[in-house]
N, C-alpha and C. Protein backbone atom coordinates (compact mmCIF):
# COMPACT_ATOMS: atom_id res chain seq x y z
N MET A 1 -48.54 57.80 4.01
CA MET A 1 -47.51 57.89 4.97
C MET A 1 -46.24 57.71 4.19
N GLN A 2 -45.33 58.70 4.35
CA GLN A 2 -44.13 58.61 3.68
C GLN A 2 -42.93 58.46 4.63
N LEU A 3 -41.94 57.58 4.25
CA LEU A 3 -40.84 57.40 5.18
C LEU A 3 -39.81 58.42 4.92
N LYS A 4 -39.20 58.82 6.04
CA LYS A 4 -38.07 59.79 5.88
C LYS A 4 -36.82 59.05 5.43
N GLN A 5 -35.85 59.86 4.98
CA GLN A 5 -34.57 59.26 4.54
C GLN A 5 -33.94 58.45 5.68
N PRO A 6 -33.76 59.00 6.84
CA PRO A 6 -33.11 58.20 7.92
C PRO A 6 -33.86 56.90 8.21
N GLN A 7 -35.10 56.77 8.10
CA GLN A 7 -35.78 55.61 8.39
C GLN A 7 -35.54 54.50 7.36
N ILE A 8 -35.48 54.98 6.00
CA ILE A 8 -35.23 54.12 4.91
C ILE A 8 -33.76 53.54 5.12
N GLY A 9 -32.82 54.37 5.54
CA GLY A 9 -31.54 53.94 5.75
C GLY A 9 -31.34 52.88 6.87
N LYS A 10 -32.13 53.10 7.98
CA LYS A 10 -32.15 52.22 9.03
C LYS A 10 -32.71 50.84 8.59
N ILE A 11 -33.85 50.90 7.87
CA ILE A 11 -34.46 49.67 7.40
C ILE A 11 -33.54 48.88 6.43
N LEU A 12 -32.79 49.67 5.60
CA LEU A 12 -31.82 49.01 4.61
C LEU A 12 -30.67 48.43 5.38
N VAL A 13 -30.19 48.99 6.44
CA VAL A 13 -29.10 48.55 7.23
C VAL A 13 -29.58 47.23 7.97
N TRP A 14 -30.78 47.24 8.52
CA TRP A 14 -31.38 46.15 9.15
C TRP A 14 -31.50 44.94 8.22
N VAL A 15 -31.99 45.15 7.03
CA VAL A 15 -32.21 44.10 5.99
C VAL A 15 -30.86 43.53 5.60
N ILE A 16 -29.93 44.37 5.41
CA ILE A 16 -28.60 43.89 4.97
C ILE A 16 -27.92 43.09 6.10
N SER A 17 -28.10 43.56 7.29
CA SER A 17 -27.51 42.88 8.46
C SER A 17 -28.19 41.45 8.57
N LEU A 18 -29.52 41.44 8.43
CA LEU A 18 -30.22 40.15 8.55
C LEU A 18 -29.72 39.16 7.48
N VAL A 19 -29.60 39.69 6.27
CA VAL A 19 -29.10 38.78 5.21
C VAL A 19 -27.68 38.27 5.48
N LEU A 20 -26.79 39.12 5.98
CA LEU A 20 -25.44 38.76 6.34
C LEU A 20 -25.44 37.72 7.46
N CYS A 21 -26.30 37.89 8.40
CA CYS A 21 -26.39 36.95 9.55
C CYS A 21 -26.83 35.63 9.11
N LEU A 22 -27.84 35.59 8.19
CA LEU A 22 -28.35 34.34 7.74
C LEU A 22 -27.24 33.59 6.86
N SER A 23 -26.57 34.40 6.02
CA SER A 23 -25.54 33.80 5.25
C SER A 23 -24.39 33.21 6.15
N ALA A 24 -23.97 34.03 7.13
CA ALA A 24 -22.91 33.47 8.02
C ALA A 24 -23.41 32.24 8.79
N GLY A 25 -24.61 32.31 9.21
CA GLY A 25 -25.25 31.08 9.84
C GLY A 25 -25.18 29.85 9.00
N SER A 26 -25.52 30.04 7.74
CA SER A 26 -25.53 28.95 6.81
C SER A 26 -24.13 28.43 6.54
N THR A 27 -23.17 29.28 6.52
CA THR A 27 -21.76 28.88 6.29
C THR A 27 -21.30 28.15 7.55
N ILE A 28 -21.57 28.64 8.73
CA ILE A 28 -21.14 27.96 9.96
C ILE A 28 -21.79 26.54 10.02
N ILE A 29 -23.07 26.42 9.64
CA ILE A 29 -23.71 25.11 9.73
C ILE A 29 -23.00 24.15 8.78
N ASN A 30 -22.71 24.61 7.52
CA ASN A 30 -21.95 23.83 6.53
C ASN A 30 -20.65 23.34 7.00
N LEU A 31 -19.86 24.29 7.57
CA LEU A 31 -18.63 23.91 8.20
C LEU A 31 -18.73 22.91 9.32
N TRP A 32 -19.65 23.05 10.14
CA TRP A 32 -19.93 22.17 11.26
C TRP A 32 -20.22 20.78 10.73
N ALA A 33 -21.03 20.67 9.68
CA ALA A 33 -21.36 19.37 9.16
C ALA A 33 -20.25 18.69 8.44
N ARG A 34 -19.30 19.50 7.94
CA ARG A 34 -18.14 18.84 7.20
C ARG A 34 -16.93 18.66 8.04
N ARG A 35 -17.01 18.94 9.28
CA ARG A 35 -15.88 18.84 10.16
C ARG A 35 -15.36 17.23 10.24
N GLY A 36 -16.28 16.33 10.09
CA GLY A 36 -15.88 14.97 10.10
C GLY A 36 -15.21 14.52 8.86
N ILE A 37 -15.39 15.13 7.75
CA ILE A 37 -14.74 14.75 6.50
C ILE A 37 -13.25 14.96 6.71
N VAL A 38 -12.87 16.08 7.20
CA VAL A 38 -11.40 16.36 7.36
C VAL A 38 -10.70 15.27 8.23
N SER A 39 -11.36 14.85 9.33
CA SER A 39 -10.69 13.81 10.16
C SER A 39 -10.69 12.49 9.41
N GLU A 40 -11.69 12.12 8.64
CA GLU A 40 -11.73 10.94 7.84
C GLU A 40 -10.57 10.95 6.74
N ARG A 41 -10.40 12.08 6.08
CA ARG A 41 -9.29 12.17 5.11
C ARG A 41 -7.91 12.11 5.73
N GLU A 42 -7.78 12.66 6.97
CA GLU A 42 -6.52 12.59 7.60
C GLU A 42 -6.16 11.16 7.98
N ALA A 43 -7.18 10.39 8.45
CA ALA A 43 -7.01 8.90 8.76
C ALA A 43 -6.61 8.16 7.51
N ASP A 44 -7.29 8.53 6.31
CA ASP A 44 -7.02 7.88 5.12
C ASP A 44 -5.59 8.16 4.70
N LEU A 45 -5.13 9.36 4.81
CA LEU A 45 -3.77 9.85 4.51
C LEU A 45 -2.75 9.03 5.25
N VAL A 46 -2.94 8.86 6.58
CA VAL A 46 -2.08 8.14 7.43
C VAL A 46 -1.97 6.73 6.99
N ARG A 47 -3.12 6.11 6.73
CA ARG A 47 -3.18 4.66 6.32
C ARG A 47 -2.40 4.52 4.87
N LEU A 48 -2.73 5.41 4.02
CA LEU A 48 -2.04 5.34 2.70
C LEU A 48 -0.54 5.54 2.83
N GLN A 49 -0.11 6.39 3.72
CA GLN A 49 1.36 6.64 3.84
C GLN A 49 1.95 5.31 4.42
N GLU A 50 1.35 4.71 5.32
CA GLU A 50 1.81 3.47 5.89
C GLU A 50 1.90 2.36 4.81
N GLU A 51 0.88 2.32 3.97
CA GLU A 51 0.81 1.33 2.90
C GLU A 51 1.89 1.66 1.88
N ASN A 52 2.19 2.88 1.63
CA ASN A 52 3.27 3.36 0.72
C ASN A 52 4.62 2.91 1.20
N LYS A 53 4.82 3.10 2.54
CA LYS A 53 6.14 2.63 3.11
C LYS A 53 6.27 1.18 2.90
N THR A 54 5.23 0.43 3.20
CA THR A 54 5.29 -1.07 2.99
C THR A 54 5.65 -1.41 1.60
N LEU A 55 4.91 -0.80 0.62
CA LEU A 55 5.21 -1.08 -0.75
C LEU A 55 6.57 -0.66 -1.19
N GLU A 56 7.13 0.42 -0.65
CA GLU A 56 8.53 0.88 -1.03
C GLU A 56 9.50 -0.17 -0.43
N ASN A 57 9.30 -0.63 0.75
CA ASN A 57 10.15 -1.69 1.34
C ASN A 57 10.13 -3.03 0.50
N ALA A 58 8.89 -3.36 0.10
CA ALA A 58 8.82 -4.59 -0.86
C ALA A 58 9.44 -4.35 -2.13
N LEU A 59 9.36 -3.17 -2.67
CA LEU A 59 10.10 -2.85 -3.92
C LEU A 59 11.62 -2.89 -3.74
N GLN A 60 12.11 -2.46 -2.67
CA GLN A 60 13.54 -2.47 -2.42
C GLN A 60 14.03 -3.84 -2.25
N ASP A 61 13.23 -4.70 -1.59
CA ASP A 61 13.57 -6.11 -1.47
C ASP A 61 13.54 -6.84 -2.84
N ALA A 62 12.64 -6.44 -3.68
CA ALA A 62 12.49 -7.10 -5.00
C ALA A 62 13.58 -6.71 -5.92
N ARG A 63 14.18 -5.60 -5.73
CA ARG A 63 15.30 -5.11 -6.54
C ARG A 63 16.65 -5.81 -6.14
N GLY A 64 16.66 -6.49 -5.06
CA GLY A 64 17.89 -7.04 -4.53
C GLY A 64 18.21 -8.42 -5.21
N GLU A 65 19.49 -8.76 -5.15
CA GLU A 65 19.87 -10.01 -5.77
C GLU A 65 19.32 -11.20 -5.04
N GLN A 66 19.13 -11.07 -3.74
CA GLN A 66 18.65 -12.23 -2.94
C GLN A 66 17.24 -12.57 -3.32
N PHE A 67 16.46 -11.60 -3.59
CA PHE A 67 15.03 -11.87 -4.00
C PHE A 67 15.01 -12.62 -5.37
N VAL A 68 15.87 -12.14 -6.32
CA VAL A 68 15.88 -12.80 -7.65
C VAL A 68 16.42 -14.25 -7.51
N GLU A 69 17.49 -14.46 -6.61
CA GLU A 69 17.95 -15.76 -6.44
C GLU A 69 16.88 -16.79 -5.82
N ARG A 70 16.22 -16.22 -4.80
CA ARG A 70 15.18 -16.98 -4.16
C ARG A 70 14.09 -17.35 -5.08
N ILE A 71 13.65 -16.47 -5.86
CA ILE A 71 12.58 -16.77 -6.90
C ILE A 71 13.07 -17.77 -7.92
N ALA A 72 14.27 -17.59 -8.37
CA ALA A 72 14.97 -18.52 -9.28
C ALA A 72 15.02 -19.95 -8.68
N ARG A 73 15.28 -20.07 -7.47
CA ARG A 73 15.50 -21.36 -6.82
C ARG A 73 14.08 -22.00 -6.48
N ASP A 74 13.18 -21.09 -5.89
CA ASP A 74 11.91 -21.68 -5.48
C ASP A 74 10.89 -21.88 -6.55
N LYS A 75 10.75 -20.96 -7.42
CA LYS A 75 9.74 -21.00 -8.45
C LYS A 75 10.10 -21.67 -9.74
N LEU A 76 11.39 -21.39 -10.06
CA LEU A 76 11.92 -21.96 -11.35
C LEU A 76 12.79 -23.19 -11.30
N GLY A 77 13.12 -23.57 -10.10
CA GLY A 77 13.95 -24.81 -9.84
C GLY A 77 15.31 -24.65 -10.33
N MET A 78 15.85 -23.44 -10.43
CA MET A 78 17.23 -23.31 -10.96
C MET A 78 18.31 -23.39 -9.76
N VAL A 79 19.45 -23.72 -10.20
CA VAL A 79 20.57 -23.99 -9.20
C VAL A 79 21.82 -23.21 -9.69
N LYS A 80 22.67 -22.93 -8.76
CA LYS A 80 23.96 -22.33 -9.19
C LYS A 80 24.94 -23.44 -9.78
N PRO A 81 25.87 -23.00 -10.63
CA PRO A 81 26.83 -24.02 -11.21
C PRO A 81 27.54 -24.68 -10.05
N GLY A 82 27.69 -25.97 -10.12
CA GLY A 82 28.42 -26.76 -9.12
C GLY A 82 27.54 -27.28 -8.08
N GLU A 83 26.23 -26.89 -7.95
CA GLU A 83 25.35 -27.32 -6.91
C GLU A 83 24.65 -28.68 -7.40
N THR A 84 24.26 -29.52 -6.51
CA THR A 84 23.57 -30.74 -6.86
C THR A 84 22.22 -30.67 -6.25
N ILE A 85 21.25 -31.05 -7.08
CA ILE A 85 19.83 -31.16 -6.62
C ILE A 85 19.61 -32.44 -5.95
N VAL A 86 19.08 -32.48 -4.74
CA VAL A 86 18.74 -33.68 -4.00
C VAL A 86 17.20 -33.66 -3.79
N ILE A 87 16.47 -34.69 -4.34
CA ILE A 87 15.11 -34.80 -4.18
C ILE A 87 14.84 -35.89 -3.24
N MET A 88 14.26 -35.58 -2.10
CA MET A 88 14.03 -36.59 -1.02
C MET A 88 12.70 -37.30 -1.35
N PRO A 89 12.72 -38.62 -1.01
CA PRO A 89 11.45 -39.47 -1.29
C PRO A 89 10.29 -38.78 -0.44
N GLY A 90 9.11 -38.83 -1.08
CA GLY A 90 7.95 -38.35 -0.41
C GLY A 90 7.86 -36.80 -0.46
N SER A 91 8.71 -36.26 -1.10
CA SER A 91 8.66 -34.78 -1.40
C SER A 91 7.47 -34.48 -2.25
N THR A 92 6.75 -33.44 -1.88
CA THR A 92 5.59 -33.06 -2.67
C THR A 92 5.91 -32.05 -3.69
N GLU A 93 7.18 -31.60 -3.73
CA GLU A 93 7.60 -30.64 -4.76
C GLU A 93 8.24 -31.31 -6.00
N THR A 94 7.83 -30.77 -7.14
CA THR A 94 8.39 -31.23 -8.42
C THR A 94 9.73 -30.44 -8.71
N ALA A 95 10.48 -30.77 -9.81
CA ALA A 95 11.62 -30.10 -10.09
C ALA A 95 11.41 -28.64 -10.32
N GLY A 96 10.28 -28.25 -10.77
CA GLY A 96 10.00 -26.82 -11.08
C GLY A 96 9.55 -26.05 -9.86
N GLY A 97 9.56 -26.69 -8.72
CA GLY A 97 9.11 -25.96 -7.47
C GLY A 97 7.64 -26.03 -7.24
N GLU A 98 6.89 -26.73 -8.09
CA GLU A 98 5.42 -26.80 -7.93
C GLU A 98 5.07 -27.89 -6.96
N THR A 99 4.06 -27.77 -6.28
CA THR A 99 3.59 -28.81 -5.32
C THR A 99 2.52 -29.65 -6.03
N LYS A 100 2.56 -30.95 -5.83
CA LYS A 100 1.58 -31.85 -6.37
C LYS A 100 0.37 -31.78 -5.42
N ASP A 101 -0.84 -31.84 -6.04
CA ASP A 101 -2.01 -31.85 -5.29
C ASP A 101 -2.42 -33.33 -5.02
N LYS A 102 -2.18 -33.79 -3.83
CA LYS A 102 -2.55 -35.19 -3.48
C LYS A 102 -3.91 -35.35 -2.89
N SER A 103 -4.67 -34.36 -2.89
CA SER A 103 -6.05 -34.50 -2.36
C SER A 103 -7.03 -35.34 -3.16
N ASN A 104 -6.76 -35.42 -4.47
CA ASN A 104 -7.62 -36.21 -5.30
C ASN A 104 -7.19 -37.66 -5.50
N VAL A 105 -5.96 -38.01 -4.98
CA VAL A 105 -5.42 -39.35 -5.04
C VAL A 105 -5.82 -40.18 -3.90
N ALA A 106 -6.29 -41.48 -4.13
CA ALA A 106 -6.70 -42.31 -3.07
C ALA A 106 -5.64 -42.54 -2.10
N LEU A 107 -5.95 -42.80 -0.84
CA LEU A 107 -5.01 -42.93 0.26
C LEU A 107 -4.20 -44.17 0.00
N TRP A 108 -4.74 -45.21 -0.53
CA TRP A 108 -4.01 -46.41 -0.74
C TRP A 108 -2.99 -46.27 -1.89
N ARG A 109 -3.29 -45.35 -2.86
CA ARG A 109 -2.43 -45.04 -3.96
C ARG A 109 -1.20 -44.13 -3.36
N GLN A 110 -1.43 -43.33 -2.42
CA GLN A 110 -0.41 -42.57 -1.84
C GLN A 110 0.67 -43.48 -1.11
N TRP A 111 0.11 -44.44 -0.39
CA TRP A 111 0.93 -45.39 0.32
C TRP A 111 1.82 -46.20 -0.72
N VAL A 112 1.18 -46.62 -1.83
CA VAL A 112 1.95 -47.36 -2.81
C VAL A 112 3.04 -46.53 -3.47
N GLU A 113 2.72 -45.24 -3.77
CA GLU A 113 3.80 -44.35 -4.35
C GLU A 113 4.87 -44.08 -3.23
N LEU A 114 4.58 -44.05 -2.02
CA LEU A 114 5.57 -43.82 -0.97
C LEU A 114 6.60 -44.98 -0.87
N PHE A 115 6.06 -46.28 -0.97
CA PHE A 115 7.02 -47.42 -0.80
C PHE A 115 7.53 -47.95 -2.06
N PHE A 116 6.91 -47.76 -3.22
CA PHE A 116 7.34 -48.39 -4.46
C PHE A 116 7.66 -47.19 -5.43
């Protein structure tokens, strides 16, 4: 049994159509499976943009003179010319701005240090 030319053409068209349909179906399934990835990335982008704005604001604050002065006073214990340092009794800060850890000192010793 021999196939005629028109029958071979029809079979060839059907085979090509079937392959194209399967390929398109596979592509659609892949896109459907990956639709969540796009929404996750968009949420990450929004979060990172907000974090970036926060960091830019912190950088602008750190570049200002007020920030430098505050760090110099709080962390380094520096003062402006003409200012006087007053250390109050019972203060837990040292001249360098560090705090003493009194958790290891006995309670009676803390009372003695407070009054004498």
